[in-house]
Amino acid sequence: MNGLVLAEVKQTEIEDENDPRIVLRFEILPSSKAPRVKLFEVVHRRDFPYPALIVEPSELPTYLRRRYYSPGISESISLMTSMSSLMSKPGEWVENENVCATPQEFVRKLGQVLASTEIKSAVMSVLARSQEELEEKPLSVTPPPTATPPPANNGEPGTTDGDVETDKQ
């Protein structure tokens, strides 16, 4: 990205006596003093890279989403009246689509995460911030040295126009 943004992966070990694990945090940072932006994390057991869990960035608030569902009044009322039935509901199996058991699954899911609106927005925001800061800085460009022809000597031997005579001892 033309040096405007740097990427970094930070590794942290979580020492849980029953389940020690590694967390890889993928961050981008502008070339300036702007704060780092976490893109996502990958979590796996210390001694086994698979299964690996890709932890996506937190969701955008509803006012920043392109599309979201807003329940109607009748749905809200029916939800409140059915709360008592939820309390007695038995447990259920929940599938976590971000757990990858193989390298192929990991690459596929990582591609989906990198193509997400949240990641694209984060990268573009950091790029824009870096570009703005680059444009605000005054450029101190020193022209490269160029070869200049020596001045004409106007026919006088041993001197040239612009030469400074010095005493030689």
C-alpha atoms as a PDB file:
ATOM      1  CA  MET A   1       0.000   0.000   0.000  1.00  0.00           C
ATOM      2  CA  ASN A   2       2.843   2.296  -0.947  1.00  0.00           C
ATOM      3  CA  GLY A   3       4.170   2.404   2.623  1.00  0.00           C
ATOM      4  CA  LEU A   4       1.096   4.218   3.956  1.00  0.00           C
ATOM      5  CA  VAL A   5      -0.049   1.298   6.092  1.00  0.00           C
ATOM      6  CA  LEU A   6       1.876  -1.345   7.976  1.00  0.00           C
ATOM      7  CA  ALA A   7       0.532  -4.722   9.053  1.00  0.00           C
ATOM      8  CA  GLU A   8       1.536  -6.588  12.165  1.00  0.00           C
ATOM      9  CA  VAL A   9       0.707  -9.930  13.732  1.00  0.00           C
ATOM     10  CA  LYS A  10       1.028 -10.106  17.513  1.00  0.00           C
ATOM     11  CA  GLN A  11       1.170 -13.480  19.213  1.00  0.00           C
ATOM     12  CA  THR A  12      -0.037 -13.949  22.771  1.00  0.00           C
ATOM     13  CA  GLU A  13      -0.062 -17.145  24.798  1.00  0.00           C
ATOM     14  CA  ILE A  14      -2.941 -17.652  27.195  1.00  0.00           C
ATOM     15  CA  GLU A  15      -1.904 -19.911  30.026  1.00  0.00           C
ATOM     16  CA  ASP A  16      -5.049 -21.743  31.039  1.00  0.00           C
ATOM     17  CA  GLU A  17      -4.090 -24.889  32.957  1.00  0.00           C
ATOM     18  CA  ASN A  18      -6.788 -26.910  31.192  1.00  0.00           C
ATOM     19  CA  ASP A  19      -6.506 -25.332  27.766  1.00  0.00           C
ATOM     20  CA  PRO A  20      -3.380 -23.272  26.944  1.00  0.00           C
ATOM     21  CA  ARG A  21      -3.840 -21.471  23.657  1.00  0.00           C
ATOM     22  CA  ILE A  22      -2.272 -19.063  21.189  1.00  0.00           C
ATOM     23  CA  VAL A  23      -3.958 -15.860  20.029  1.00  0.00           C
ATOM     24  CA  LEU A  24      -2.697 -14.221  16.840  1.00  0.00           C
ATOM     25  CA  ARG A  25      -3.908 -10.647  16.555  1.00  0.00           C
ATOM     26  CA  PHE A  26      -3.820  -9.111  13.059  1.00  0.00           C
ATOM     27  CA  GLU A  27      -3.507  -5.336  13.137  1.00  0.00           C
ATOM     28  CA  ILE A  28      -2.860  -2.534  10.717  1.00  0.00           C
ATOM     29  CA  LEU A  29      -1.286   0.743  11.616  1.00  0.00           C
ATOM     30  CA  PRO A  30      -0.857   3.902   9.672  1.00  0.00           C
ATOM     31  CA  SER A  31       2.670   5.139   9.074  1.00  0.00           C
ATOM     32  CA  SER A  32       1.853   8.038  11.420  1.00  0.00           C
ATOM     33  CA  LYS A  33       0.971   8.247  15.096  1.00  0.00           C
ATOM     34  CA  ALA A  34      -2.656   7.232  14.533  1.00  0.00           C
ATOM     35  CA  PRO A  35      -3.896   4.299  16.610  1.00  0.00           C
ATOM     36  CA  ARG A  36      -3.637   0.671  15.546  1.00  0.00           C
ATOM     37  CA  VAL A  37      -6.715  -1.023  14.171  1.00  0.00           C
ATOM     38  CA  LYS A  38      -7.428  -4.655  14.998  1.00  0.00           C
ATOM     39  CA  LEU A  39      -8.660  -6.546  11.956  1.00  0.00           C
ATOM     40  CA  PHE A  40      -9.263  -9.987  13.457  1.00  0.00           C
ATOM     41  CA  GLU A  41      -7.779 -12.660  15.698  1.00  0.00           C
ATOM     42  CA  VAL A  42      -7.035 -16.334  15.225  1.00  0.00           C
ATOM     43  CA  VAL A  43      -7.142 -18.625  18.255  1.00  0.00           C
ATOM     44  CA  HIS A  44      -5.867 -22.216  18.465  1.00  0.00           C
ATOM     45  CA  ARG A  45      -4.472 -24.666  20.991  1.00  0.00           C
ATOM     46  CA  ARG A  46      -0.812 -24.212  21.808  1.00  0.00           C
ATOM     47  CA  ASP A  47       0.390 -27.506  20.348  1.00  0.00           C
ATOM     48  CA  PHE A  48      -2.168 -27.875  17.543  1.00  0.00           C
ATOM     49  CA  PRO A  49      -2.870 -25.267  14.867  1.00  0.00           C
ATOM     50  CA  TYR A  50      -6.227 -26.862  14.006  1.00  0.00           C
ATOM     51  CA  PRO A  51      -9.008 -26.406  14.751  1.00  0.00           C
ATOM     52  CA  ALA A  52      -8.533 -22.650  14.600  1.00  0.00           C
ATOM     53  CA  LEU A  53     -11.123 -20.030  15.389  1.00  0.00           C
ATOM     54  CA  ILE A  54     -11.202 -16.781  13.405  1.00  0.00           C
ATOM     55  CA  VAL A  55     -12.606 -14.043  15.613  1.00  0.00           C
ATOM     56  CA  GLU A  56     -14.059 -11.369  13.364  1.00  0.00           C
ATOM     57  CA  PRO A  57     -14.170  -7.699  14.312  1.00  0.00           C
ATOM     58  CA  SER A  58     -17.106  -6.601  16.377  1.00  0.00           C
ATOM     59  CA  GLU A  59     -20.153  -5.706  14.395  1.00  0.00           C
ATOM     60  CA  LEU A  60     -20.817  -2.184  13.297  1.00  0.00           C
ATOM     61  CA  PRO A  61     -23.565  -0.305  15.104  1.00  0.00           C
ATOM     62  CA  THR A  62     -26.877  -0.404  13.244  1.00  0.00           C
ATOM     63  CA  TYR A  63     -26.591   3.194  12.032  1.00  0.00           C
ATOM     64  CA  LEU A  64     -23.412   2.270  10.100  1.00  0.00           C
ATOM     65  CA  ARG A  65     -24.643  -0.992   8.569  1.00  0.00           C
ATOM     66  CA  ARG A  66     -25.825  -1.079   4.996  1.00  0.00           C
ATOM     67  CA  ARG A  67     -28.687  -3.356   5.964  1.00  0.00           C
ATOM     68  CA  TYR A  68     -30.144  -4.624   9.224  1.00  0.00           C
ATOM     69  CA  TYR A  69     -33.392  -6.033  10.523  1.00  0.00           C
ATOM     70  CA  SER A  70     -35.616  -3.911  12.733  1.00  0.00           C
ATOM     71  CA  PRO A  71     -38.471  -5.877  14.353  1.00  0.00           C
ATOM     72  CA  GLY A  72     -41.952  -4.407  14.169  1.00  0.00           C
ATOM     73  CA  ILE A  73     -44.136  -3.641  17.204  1.00  0.00           C
ATOM     74  CA  SER A  74     -46.110  -6.867  16.919  1.00  0.00           C
ATOM     75  CA  GLU A  75     -42.868  -8.863  16.861  1.00  0.00           C
ATOM     76  CA  SER A  76     -41.594  -7.050  19.963  1.00  0.00           C
ATOM     77  CA  ILE A  77     -44.828  -7.737  21.873  1.00  0.00           C
ATOM     78  CA  SER A  78     -44.821 -11.384  20.847  1.00  0.00           C
ATOM     79  CA  LEU A  79     -41.149 -11.629  21.919  1.00  0.00           C
ATOM     80  CA  MET A  80     -41.944 -10.258  25.382  1.00  0.00           C
ATOM     81  CA  THR A  81     -44.860 -12.653  25.884  1.00  0.00           C
ATOM     82  CA  SER A  82     -42.773 -15.617  24.804  1.00  0.00           C
ATOM     83  CA  MET A  83     -39.911 -14.825  27.215  1.00  0.00           C
ATOM     84  CA  SER A  84     -41.391 -17.132  29.828  1.00  0.00           C
ATOM     85  CA  SER A  85     -41.408 -19.999  27.328  1.00  0.00           C
ATOM     86  CA  LEU A  86     -37.718 -19.314  26.547  1.00  0.00           C
ATOM     87  CA  MET A  87     -36.821 -19.834  30.201  1.00  0.00           C
ATOM     88  CA  SER A  88     -38.038 -23.416  30.047  1.00  0.00           C
ATOM     89  CA  LYS A  89     -36.578 -24.170  26.618  1.00  0.00           C
ATOM     90  CA  PRO A  90     -34.006 -26.998  26.572  1.00  0.00           C
ATOM     91  CA  GLY A  91     -30.460 -26.433  25.281  1.00  0.00           C
ATOM     92  CA  GLU A  92     -29.653 -26.705  21.611  1.00  0.00           C
ATOM     93  CA  TRP A  93     -26.645 -27.313  19.383  1.00  0.00           C
ATOM     94  CA  VAL A  94     -25.116 -24.142  17.965  1.00  0.00           C
ATOM     95  CA  GLU A  95     -22.764 -24.257  14.985  1.00  0.00           C
ATOM     96  CA  ASN A  96     -19.790 -21.892  14.983  1.00  0.00           C
ATOM     97  CA  GLU A  97     -19.023 -21.223  11.321  1.00  0.00           C
ATOM     98  CA  ASN A  98     -15.721 -19.506  12.186  1.00  0.00           C
ATOM     99  CA  VAL A  99     -14.053 -22.695  13.431  1.00  0.00           C
ATOM    100  CA  CYS A 100     -11.780 -24.132  10.746  1.00  0.00           C
ATOM    101  CA  ALA A 101     -10.652 -27.757  11.029  1.00  0.00           C
ATOM    102  CA  THR A 102      -8.346 -27.803   7.990  1.00  0.00           C
ATOM    103  CA  PRO A 103      -6.008 -25.405   6.201  1.00  0.00           C
ATOM    104  CA  GLN A 104      -8.421 -25.304   3.250  1.00  0.00           C
ATOM    105  CA  GLU A 105     -11.316 -24.252   5.485  1.00  0.00           C
ATOM    106  CA  PHE A 106      -9.073 -21.667   7.148  1.00  0.00           C
ATOM    107  CA  VAL A 107      -8.020 -20.099   3.832  1.00  0.00           C
ATOM    108  CA  ARG A 108     -11.635 -20.027   2.595  1.00  0.00           C
ATOM    109  CA  LYS A 109     -12.957 -18.440   5.794  1.00  0.00           C
ATOM    110  CA  LEU A 110     -10.053 -15.992   6.015  1.00  0.00           C
ATOM    111  CA  GLY A 111     -10.876 -14.834   2.478  1.00  0.00           C
ATOM    112  CA  GLN A 112     -14.464 -14.222   3.554  1.00  0.00           C
ATOM    113  CA  VAL A 113     -13.347 -12.260   6.613  1.00  0.00           C
ATOM    114  CA  LEU A 114     -10.908 -10.123   4.594  1.00  0.00           C
ATOM    115  CA  ALA A 115     -13.666  -9.379   2.075  1.00  0.00           C
ATOM    116  CA  SER A 116     -16.082  -8.264   4.803  1.00  0.00           C
ATOM    117  CA  THR A 117     -17.366  -4.702   4.961  1.00  0.00           C
ATOM    118  CA  GLU A 118     -15.826  -4.196   8.413  1.00  0.00           C
ATOM    119  CA  ILE A 119     -12.307  -5.132   7.284  1.00  0.00           C
ATOM    120  CA  LYS A 120     -12.517  -3.171   4.041  1.00  0.00           C
ATOM    121  CA  SER A 121     -13.795  -0.115   5.934  1.00  0.00           C
ATOM    122  CA  ALA A 122     -11.023  -0.364   8.528  1.00  0.00           C
ATOM    123  CA  VAL A 123      -8.290  -0.625   5.888  1.00  0.00           C
ATOM    124  CA  MET A 124      -9.709   2.207   3.784  1.00  0.00           C
ATOM    125  CA  SER A 125     -10.086   4.437   6.866  1.00  0.00           C
ATOM    126  CA  VAL A 126      -6.456   3.883   7.872  1.00  0.00           C
ATOM    127  CA  LEU A 127      -5.304   4.486   4.295  1.00  0.00           C
ATOM    128  CA  ALA A 128      -7.297   7.716   4.089  1.00  0.00           C
ATOM    129  CA  ARG A 129      -5.952   8.914   7.452  1.00  0.00           C
ATOM    130  CA  SER A 130      -2.368   8.155   6.389  1.00  0.00           C
ATOM    131  CA  GLN A 131      -2.854   9.893   3.053  1.00  0.00           C
ATOM    132  CA  GLU A 132      -4.303  12.993   4.760  1.00  0.00           C
ATOM    133  CA  GLU A 133      -1.387  13.173   7.174  1.00  0.00           C
ATOM    134  CA  LEU A 134       1.071  12.733   4.328  1.00  0.00           C
ATOM    135  CA  GLU A 135      -0.538  15.624   2.434  1.00  0.00           C
ATOM    136  CA  GLU A 136      -0.472  17.860   5.546  1.00  0.00           C
ATOM    137  CA  LYS A 137       3.273  17.440   6.097  1.00  0.00           C
ATOM    138  CA  PRO A 138       5.381  20.019   4.295  1.00  0.00           C
ATOM    139  CA  LEU A 139       7.621  18.329   1.836  1.00  0.00           C
ATOM    140  CA  SER A 140      11.289  19.069   2.392  1.00  0.00           C
ATOM    141  CA  VAL A 141      12.566  17.976  -0.938  1.00  0.00           C
ATOM    142  CA  THR A 142      16.243  18.580  -1.578  1.00  0.00           C
ATOM    143  CA  PRO A 143      16.953  18.637  -5.286  1.00  0.00           C
ATOM    144  CA  PRO A 144      19.486  16.059  -6.360  1.00  0.00           C
ATOM    145  CA  PRO A 145      22.954  17.361  -7.169  1.00  0.00           C
ATOM    146  CA  THR A 146      23.366  18.144 -10.834  1.00  0.00           C
ATOM    147  CA  ALA A 147      26.489  18.604 -12.872  1.00  0.00           C
ATOM    148  CA  THR A 148      26.935  22.234 -13.854  1.00  0.00           C
ATOM    149  CA  PRO A 149      29.339  23.271 -16.550  1.00  0.00           C
ATOM    150  CA  PRO A 150      32.261  25.394 -15.415  1.00  0.00           C
ATOM    151  CA  PRO A 151      31.889  29.113 -16.083  1.00  0.00           C
ATOM    152  CA  ALA A 152      33.608  30.625 -19.121  1.00  0.00           C
ATOM    153  CA  ASN A 153      37.097  32.084 -18.551  1.00  0.00           C
ATOM    154  CA  ASN A 154      36.772  35.031 -20.950  1.00  0.00           C
ATOM    155  CA  GLY A 155      40.128  34.279 -22.469  1.00  0.00           C
ATOM    156  CA  GLU A 156      42.252  34.782 -19.335  1.00  0.00           C
ATOM    157  CA  PRO A 157      44.505  31.785 -18.737  1.00  0.00           C
ATOM    158  CA  GLY A 158      44.289  30.093 -15.330  1.00  0.00           C
ATOM    159  CA  THR A 159      41.140  31.864 -14.146  1.00  0.00           C
ATOM    160  CA  THR A 160      37.466  31.449 -14.680  1.00  0.00           C
ATOM    161  CA  ASP A 161      34.629  33.822 -14.047  1.00  0.00           C
ATOM    162  CA  GLY A 162      33.518  33.427 -10.459  1.00  0.00           C
ATOM    163  CA  ASP A 163      36.866  32.057  -9.240  1.00  0.00           C
ATOM    164  CA  VAL A 164      37.993  33.428  -5.937  1.00  0.00           C
ATOM    165  CA  GLU A 165      41.658  34.209  -5.751  1.00  0.00           C
ATOM    166  CA  THR A 166      43.383  32.951  -2.653  1.00  0.00           C
ATOM    167  CA  ASP A 167      46.927  33.352  -1.403  1.00  0.00           C
ATOM    168  CA  LYS A 168      48.834  30.143  -1.881  1.00  0.00           C
ATOM    169  CA  GLN A 169      51.762  29.598   0.421  1.00  0.00           C
END
